[in-house]
Amino acid sequence: MRAVIQRVKEARVRVEGKTVGEIGTGLLVLLGVHRDDGEKDARFLINKVPYLRIFEDEEGKMNRSVKEVGGEILLISQFTLYGDCRRGLRPSFDQAAPPEVAKKWYEEVGEGWEREGVKVERGVFGAFMEVEIHNQGPVTIILDSKERRNE
């Protein structure tokens, strides 16, 4: 799984002009699911994202997690994170999981963060979405579950 994580002051997602998810301070997470992803990949993100220390403490150092600041997560599915542009000008998405598989893991990751005590808002899986963010910092982190250390 690949996650592009942005620290935000606020973010919202719209589908067909209607707001379907909205957060204040927290993280916008764009999530792509690889065709070979499974439980270990989901567990990696569930255990990592809520605890990333990318929010500032009283001294201005990135030392607090989204949980510690009482923030929220806006989760957006994005299969294009597995776009392969090595050949030609049109990305290939062969590495992305099929929609039914990707949706399962997308839901599992969001539910996992909720079990960790973080409020999670979501986009609509597979829909054309408009995402509005007010990036804070800016702070952007990319996580890839295949790059995790051996367990």
Foldseek 3Di string as FASTA:
>chain_A
DKKKKWFFQKKFKDFPRHTQWIWGTDIEIEDFAFQPDDDLLLVVLLVPQQAQQQDQDPVGDSGGGCVRVLTAYEYEYDLCVQFDCPDDHGTDSNGTHPQVVRVVSSVSSQVSNVVVPHHYTYDDRPGDMDMDGHTPPGDIDMDDSVPDDDD
